[in-house]
N, C-alpha and C. Protein backbone atom coordinates (compact mmCIF):
# COMPACT_ATOMS: atom_id res chain seq x y z
N UNK A 1 5.27 11.34 14.32
CA UNK A 1 4.58 10.13 14.13
C UNK A 1 5.35 9.13 13.70
N UNK A 2 5.08 7.62 14.34
CA UNK A 2 5.86 6.58 13.83
C UNK A 2 5.83 6.31 12.25
N UNK A 3 6.72 5.64 12.07
CA UNK A 3 6.82 5.62 10.59
C UNK A 3 6.66 3.96 10.29
N UNK A 4 5.53 3.72 9.78
CA UNK A 4 5.18 2.12 9.38
C UNK A 4 4.64 2.11 7.86
N UNK A 5 5.24 1.15 7.14
CA UNK A 5 4.99 1.08 5.95
C UNK A 5 3.53 0.76 5.56
N UNK A 6 2.98 1.35 4.42
CA UNK A 6 1.65 1.35 4.05
C UNK A 6 1.24 -0.18 3.78
N UNK A 7 2.05 -0.97 3.29
CA UNK A 7 1.91 -2.37 2.99
C UNK A 7 1.57 -3.05 4.22
N UNK A 8 2.11 -2.78 5.17
CA UNK A 8 1.80 -3.56 6.54
C UNK A 8 0.59 -3.15 7.18
N UNK A 9 -0.06 -1.98 6.81
CA UNK A 9 -1.15 -1.63 7.50
C UNK A 9 -2.51 -2.28 6.95
N UNK A 10 -2.36 -2.99 5.69
CA UNK A 10 -3.56 -3.55 5.18
C UNK A 10 -4.31 -4.51 5.53
N UNK A 11 -3.89 -5.03 6.84
CA UNK A 11 -4.46 -5.96 7.78
C UNK A 11 -5.61 -5.24 8.72
N UNK A 12 -5.35 -3.93 8.80
CA UNK A 12 -6.31 -3.19 9.55
C UNK A 12 -7.76 -2.83 8.96
N UNK A 13 -7.66 -2.99 7.39
CA UNK A 13 -8.70 -2.37 6.79
C UNK A 13 -10.04 -3.51 7.27
N UNK A 14 -9.68 -4.75 7.48
CA UNK A 14 -10.87 -5.75 7.55
C UNK A 14 -11.45 -5.66 9.07
N UNK A 15 -10.61 -5.34 9.86
CA UNK A 15 -11.16 -5.42 11.29
C UNK A 15 -11.19 -3.98 11.65
N UNK A 16 -12.39 -3.34 12.09
CA UNK A 16 -12.80 -2.17 12.51
C UNK A 16 -12.09 -1.78 14.03
N UNK A 17 -12.31 -2.81 14.70
CA UNK A 17 -11.84 -2.71 16.11
C UNK A 17 -10.29 -2.52 16.19
N UNK A 18 -9.57 -3.25 15.20
CA UNK A 18 -8.10 -2.98 15.27
C UNK A 18 -7.80 -1.69 14.52
N UNK A 19 -8.62 -1.24 13.61
CA UNK A 19 -8.46 -0.14 13.10
C UNK A 19 -8.53 1.35 13.97
N UNK A 20 -9.69 1.15 14.74
CA UNK A 20 -9.79 2.20 15.87
C UNK A 20 -8.76 2.10 17.06
N UNK A 21 -8.38 0.99 17.29
CA UNK A 21 -7.14 0.81 18.40
C UNK A 21 -5.83 1.52 17.65
N UNK A 22 -5.66 1.07 16.30
CA UNK A 22 -4.43 1.82 15.88
C UNK A 22 -4.48 3.22 15.60
N UNK A 23 -5.57 3.75 15.28
CA UNK A 23 -5.50 5.25 15.05
C UNK A 23 -5.56 5.86 16.29
N UNK A 24 -6.26 5.39 17.23
CA UNK A 24 -6.22 6.05 18.79
C UNK A 24 -4.78 6.14 19.26
N UNK A 25 -3.99 4.89 18.98
CA UNK A 25 -2.66 4.82 19.49
C UNK A 25 -1.82 5.85 18.65
N UNK A 26 -1.99 6.06 17.46
CA UNK A 26 -1.04 6.90 16.73
C UNK A 26 -1.61 8.33 17.06
N UNK A 27 -2.68 8.73 17.36
CA UNK A 27 -3.25 10.08 17.79
C UNK A 27 -2.83 10.19 19.26
N UNK A 28 -2.37 9.20 19.93
CA UNK A 28 -2.22 9.07 21.41
C UNK A 28 -3.23 9.61 22.28
N UNK A 29 -4.35 9.07 21.97
CA UNK A 29 -5.65 9.34 22.71
C UNK A 29 -6.40 8.00 23.00
N UNK A 30 -7.32 7.95 24.04
CA UNK A 30 -8.08 6.69 24.28
C UNK A 30 -9.10 6.49 23.04
N UNK A 31 -9.68 5.26 22.94
CA UNK A 31 -10.74 4.98 22.01
C UNK A 31 -12.09 5.60 22.46
N UNK A 32 -12.07 5.90 23.52
CA UNK A 32 -13.37 6.70 24.27
C UNK A 32 -13.36 8.18 23.53
N UNK A 33 -12.03 8.79 23.69
CA UNK A 33 -11.92 10.01 23.19
C UNK A 33 -11.96 10.11 21.62
N UNK A 34 -11.50 8.94 20.90
CA UNK A 34 -11.59 8.94 19.53
C UNK A 34 -13.23 8.99 19.33
N UNK A 35 -14.02 8.27 19.88
CA UNK A 35 -15.55 8.23 19.67
C UNK A 35 -16.00 9.66 19.86
N UNK A 36 -15.53 10.44 20.73
CA UNK A 36 -16.11 11.81 21.05
C UNK A 36 -15.66 12.78 19.81
N UNK A 37 -14.46 12.56 19.36
CA UNK A 37 -13.83 13.37 18.34
C UNK A 37 -14.57 13.11 17.02
N UNK A 38 -14.80 11.83 16.78
CA UNK A 38 -15.58 11.24 15.62
C UNK A 38 -16.85 11.90 15.48
N UNK A 39 -17.56 11.77 16.63
CA UNK A 39 -19.01 12.42 16.65
C UNK A 39 -18.91 13.85 16.29
N UNK A 40 -18.00 14.62 17.08
CA UNK A 40 -17.97 15.97 16.73
C UNK A 40 -17.47 16.31 15.31
N UNK A 41 -16.65 15.53 14.67
CA UNK A 41 -16.30 15.72 13.25
C UNK A 41 -17.37 15.36 12.36
N UNK A 42 -18.25 14.37 12.70
CA UNK A 42 -19.42 14.06 11.69
C UNK A 42 -20.48 14.89 11.96
N UNK A 43 -20.95 15.31 13.16
CA UNK A 43 -22.18 16.14 13.35
C UNK A 43 -22.01 17.57 13.71
N UNK A 44 -20.79 18.01 13.85
CA UNK A 44 -20.40 19.35 14.19
C UNK A 44 -20.92 19.69 15.46
N UNK A 45 -21.11 18.83 16.18
CA UNK A 45 -21.61 19.38 17.58
C UNK A 45 -21.11 18.33 18.72
N UNK A 46 -21.07 18.57 20.04
CA UNK A 46 -20.43 17.69 20.90
C UNK A 46 -21.61 16.61 21.26
N UNK A 47 -21.03 15.30 21.82
CA UNK A 47 -22.02 14.25 21.90
C UNK A 47 -22.38 14.27 23.42
N UNK A 48 -23.84 14.14 23.69
CA UNK A 48 -24.08 13.99 24.98
C UNK A 48 -23.32 12.86 25.77
N UNK A 49 -22.93 13.05 26.97
CA UNK A 49 -22.01 12.15 27.73
C UNK A 49 -22.78 10.73 27.88
N UNK A 50 -24.34 10.80 28.03
CA UNK A 50 -24.94 9.49 28.26
C UNK A 50 -24.91 8.81 27.03
N UNK A 51 -25.16 9.41 25.92
CA UNK A 51 -24.95 8.67 24.54
C UNK A 51 -23.71 8.15 24.35
N UNK A 52 -22.51 8.75 24.56
CA UNK A 52 -21.45 8.36 24.20
C UNK A 52 -20.98 7.15 25.16
N UNK A 53 -21.66 7.27 26.35
CA UNK A 53 -21.33 6.10 27.36
C UNK A 53 -21.97 4.85 26.67
N UNK A 54 -23.26 5.04 26.53
CA UNK A 54 -23.92 3.73 25.80
C UNK A 54 -23.21 3.30 24.59
N UNK A 55 -22.90 4.14 23.66
CA UNK A 55 -22.32 3.55 22.52
C UNK A 55 -21.00 2.99 22.65
N UNK A 56 -20.23 3.56 23.43
CA UNK A 56 -18.86 3.13 23.83
C UNK A 56 -18.99 1.72 24.51
N UNK A 57 -19.97 1.57 25.63
CA UNK A 57 -20.12 0.15 26.16
C UNK A 57 -20.52 -0.73 25.29
N UNK A 58 -21.30 -0.53 24.33
CA UNK A 58 -21.90 -1.26 23.32
C UNK A 58 -20.74 -1.67 22.42
N UNK A 59 -19.75 -0.88 22.16
CA UNK A 59 -18.51 -1.01 21.33
C UNK A 59 -17.84 -2.11 22.09
N UNK A 60 -17.51 -1.84 23.45
CA UNK A 60 -16.59 -2.67 24.16
C UNK A 60 -17.32 -4.11 24.35
N UNK A 61 -18.70 -4.33 24.41
CA UNK A 61 -19.25 -5.61 24.85
C UNK A 61 -19.44 -6.26 23.44
N UNK A 62 -19.79 -5.73 22.43
CA UNK A 62 -20.29 -6.42 20.95
C UNK A 62 -19.39 -6.06 19.94
N UNK A 63 -18.52 -5.04 19.91
CA UNK A 63 -17.60 -4.78 19.04
C UNK A 63 -18.40 -4.09 17.75
N UNK A 64 -19.47 -3.51 18.19
CA UNK A 64 -20.12 -2.79 16.99
C UNK A 64 -19.98 -1.32 17.28
N UNK A 65 -19.40 -0.78 16.02
CA UNK A 65 -19.19 0.54 16.08
C UNK A 65 -20.24 1.58 15.02
N UNK A 66 -20.43 2.84 15.52
CA UNK A 66 -21.46 3.69 14.80
C UNK A 66 -20.61 3.90 13.24
N UNK A 67 -21.45 4.18 12.44
CA UNK A 67 -21.05 4.54 11.00
C UNK A 67 -19.96 5.64 11.18
N UNK A 68 -20.24 6.70 11.95
CA UNK A 68 -19.41 7.93 11.93
C UNK A 68 -18.02 7.63 12.55
N UNK A 69 -17.95 6.66 13.40
CA UNK A 69 -16.71 6.26 14.05
C UNK A 69 -15.91 5.65 12.84
N UNK A 70 -16.48 4.70 12.22
CA UNK A 70 -15.78 3.96 11.15
C UNK A 70 -15.45 5.00 9.90
N UNK A 71 -16.29 5.77 9.60
CA UNK A 71 -15.76 6.86 8.49
C UNK A 71 -14.67 7.55 9.12
N UNK A 72 -14.63 7.86 10.26
CA UNK A 72 -13.62 8.83 10.89
C UNK A 72 -12.15 7.98 11.01
N UNK A 73 -12.24 6.89 11.32
CA UNK A 73 -10.96 6.05 11.48
C UNK A 73 -10.68 5.52 9.95
N UNK A 74 -11.24 5.33 9.06
CA UNK A 74 -10.94 5.13 7.62
C UNK A 74 -10.32 6.30 7.07
N UNK A 75 -10.70 7.48 7.19
CA UNK A 75 -10.30 8.69 6.83
C UNK A 75 -8.92 9.06 7.39
N UNK A 76 -8.93 8.74 8.74
CA UNK A 76 -7.51 8.98 9.40
C UNK A 76 -6.64 7.98 9.09
N UNK A 77 -7.01 7.02 8.55
CA UNK A 77 -6.13 5.70 8.22
C UNK A 77 -5.53 6.13 6.89
N UNK A 78 -6.23 6.72 6.09
CA UNK A 78 -5.96 7.17 4.60
C UNK A 78 -4.96 8.33 4.88
N UNK A 79 -5.17 9.30 5.78
CA UNK A 79 -4.39 10.35 6.12
C UNK A 79 -2.87 9.86 6.53
N UNK A 80 -3.00 8.68 7.37
CA UNK A 80 -1.71 8.16 7.92
C UNK A 80 -0.92 7.58 6.88
N UNK A 81 -1.66 6.82 5.98
CA UNK A 81 -0.74 6.24 4.91
C UNK A 81 -0.12 7.34 3.98
N UNK A 82 -1.05 8.34 3.69
CA UNK A 82 -0.58 9.42 3.02
C UNK A 82 0.56 10.35 3.75
N UNK A 83 0.64 10.15 5.05
CA UNK A 83 1.69 10.83 5.76
C UNK A 83 1.21 12.31 6.17
N UNK A 84 -0.03 12.37 6.13
CA UNK A 84 -0.68 13.80 6.37
C UNK A 84 -1.58 13.82 7.80
N UNK A 85 -1.52 12.60 8.59
CA UNK A 85 -2.20 12.68 9.74
C UNK A 85 -1.50 13.42 10.89
N UNK A 86 -2.38 14.56 11.39
CA UNK A 86 -1.72 15.40 12.54
C UNK A 86 -2.83 15.55 13.62
N UNK A 87 -2.41 15.26 14.65
CA UNK A 87 -3.30 15.37 15.86
C UNK A 87 -3.99 16.86 16.06
N UNK A 88 -3.08 17.78 15.65
CA UNK A 88 -3.71 19.16 15.59
C UNK A 88 -4.95 19.40 14.74
N UNK A 89 -5.06 18.50 13.78
CA UNK A 89 -6.22 18.90 12.75
C UNK A 89 -7.46 18.35 13.54
N UNK A 90 -7.44 17.65 14.72
CA UNK A 90 -8.72 17.16 15.18
C UNK A 90 -8.92 17.71 16.59
N UNK A 91 -8.17 18.77 16.97
CA UNK A 91 -8.51 19.52 18.10
C UNK A 91 -7.66 18.92 19.31
N UNK A 92 -7.14 18.02 19.07
CA UNK A 92 -6.32 17.18 20.28
C UNK A 92 -5.22 18.14 20.67
N UNK A 93 -5.24 18.45 21.95
CA UNK A 93 -4.18 19.10 22.61
C UNK A 93 -3.26 18.30 23.36
N UNK A 94 -1.86 18.50 23.30
CA UNK A 94 -0.87 17.81 24.08
C UNK A 94 -0.66 18.58 25.47
N UNK A 95 -0.42 17.95 26.69
CA UNK A 95 -0.05 18.49 27.94
C UNK A 95 1.38 19.00 27.76
N UNK A 96 1.89 20.05 28.07
CA UNK A 96 3.14 20.27 28.08
C UNK A 96 3.49 20.70 29.53
N UNK A 97 4.62 20.27 30.00
CA UNK A 97 5.07 20.50 31.48
C UNK A 97 5.55 22.07 31.35
N UNK A 98 5.26 22.82 32.25
CA UNK A 98 5.68 23.97 32.19
C UNK A 98 6.99 24.21 33.27
N UNK A 99 7.79 25.20 33.24
CA UNK A 99 8.99 25.24 33.92
C UNK A 99 8.75 25.13 35.26
N UNK A 100 7.82 25.67 35.81
CA UNK A 100 7.65 25.51 37.48
C UNK A 100 7.56 24.28 37.72
N UNK A 101 6.68 23.42 36.86
CA UNK A 101 6.44 21.95 37.30
C UNK A 101 7.84 21.08 37.09
N UNK A 102 8.51 21.41 36.11
CA UNK A 102 9.87 20.78 35.76
C UNK A 102 10.69 20.88 37.21
N UNK A 103 10.65 22.09 37.69
CA UNK A 103 11.74 22.51 38.82
C UNK A 103 11.10 21.73 40.00
N UNK A 104 9.82 21.79 40.18
CA UNK A 104 9.28 20.96 41.19
C UNK A 104 9.74 19.49 41.31
N UNK A 105 9.41 19.06 40.01
CA UNK A 105 9.86 17.61 39.85
C UNK A 105 11.02 17.22 40.24
N UNK A 106 12.17 18.21 39.69
CA UNK A 106 13.59 18.01 39.82
C UNK A 106 13.82 18.20 41.52
N UNK A 107 13.34 18.88 42.27
CA UNK A 107 13.51 19.21 43.47
C UNK A 107 12.88 18.08 44.31
N UNK A 108 11.90 17.36 44.01
CA UNK A 108 11.41 16.37 44.70
C UNK A 108 12.28 14.87 44.57
N UNK A 109 12.67 14.73 43.32
CA UNK A 109 13.69 13.90 42.92
C UNK A 109 14.90 13.87 43.61
N UNK A 110 15.45 15.17 43.65
CA UNK A 110 16.67 15.37 44.46
C UNK A 110 16.81 15.21 45.75
N UNK A 111 15.27 15.63 46.54
CA UNK A 111 15.23 15.49 47.93
C UNK A 111 15.10 14.02 48.22
N UNK A 112 14.52 13.10 47.18
CA UNK A 112 14.45 11.60 47.53
C UNK A 112 15.67 11.02 47.44
N UNK A 113 16.50 11.36 46.51
CA UNK A 113 17.71 10.79 46.32
C UNK A 113 18.65 11.09 47.74
N UNK A 114 18.50 12.38 48.27
CA UNK A 114 19.22 12.79 49.45
C UNK A 114 18.77 11.90 50.69
N UNK A 115 17.31 11.76 50.87
CA UNK A 115 16.80 10.91 51.88
C UNK A 115 17.24 9.63 51.84
N UNK A 116 17.39 8.91 50.56
CA UNK A 116 17.75 7.50 50.65
C UNK A 116 19.24 7.62 50.74
N UNK A 117 20.06 8.35 50.53
CA UNK A 117 21.42 8.41 50.83
C UNK A 117 21.67 8.49 52.32
N UNK A 118 20.94 9.32 52.93
CA UNK A 118 20.98 9.50 54.44
C UNK A 118 20.68 8.22 55.18
N UNK A 119 19.40 7.49 54.52
CA UNK A 119 19.07 6.34 55.14
C UNK A 119 20.04 5.25 54.98
N UNK A 120 20.65 5.17 53.93
CA UNK A 120 21.59 4.16 53.79
C UNK A 120 22.91 4.20 54.50
N UNK A 121 23.33 5.63 54.77
CA UNK A 121 24.31 6.01 55.75
C UNK A 121 24.16 5.42 57.09
N UNK A 122 22.68 5.64 57.53
CA UNK A 122 22.40 5.31 58.82
C UNK A 122 22.32 4.05 59.14
N UNK A 123 21.92 3.23 58.17
CA UNK A 123 21.70 1.77 58.28
C UNK A 123 23.15 0.97 58.18
N UNK A 124 24.03 1.58 57.62
CA UNK A 124 25.45 0.92 57.60
C UNK A 124 26.25 1.29 58.91
N UNK A 125 25.84 2.38 59.61
CA UNK A 125 26.54 2.62 60.86
C UNK A 125 26.03 1.94 62.17
N UNK A 126 24.76 1.53 62.07
CA UNK A 126 24.32 0.78 63.21
C UNK A 126 24.24 -0.86 62.99
N UNK A 127 24.70 -1.64 64.05
CA UNK A 127 25.02 -2.86 63.87
C UNK A 127 23.52 -3.65 63.68
N UNK A 128 23.29 -4.52 63.16
CA UNK A 128 22.06 -5.48 63.04
C UNK A 128 22.05 -6.06 64.41
N UNK A 129 21.03 -6.57 64.83
CA UNK A 129 20.76 -7.40 66.10
C UNK A 129 21.31 -8.78 65.69
């Protein structure tokens, strides 16, 4: 997690939208996903997709946030200031690249480098018109 002094974070308390943006950035998730996690954390059940869309559109248009989102980000902010904020506590899973995908990526990169090298050799051998 990034290290930021707690004294510099006091400006976030007054503005809920900045606090939501900050916590979603620290957790490395979107604000939309933060709404989903906050609802599940508060009500202990998943939020219906239509309801989430309506609430999030209202948040984007008017900046109004539900009470459960405000509570979630304030608690997460306190955990962050205390150094206890961990994405695993909220069920957030990171995508990890497996060995097969890494090898595939390196093969594609190497192939592109070879093709660029061949192309550069070809265009230097033929005179321009």
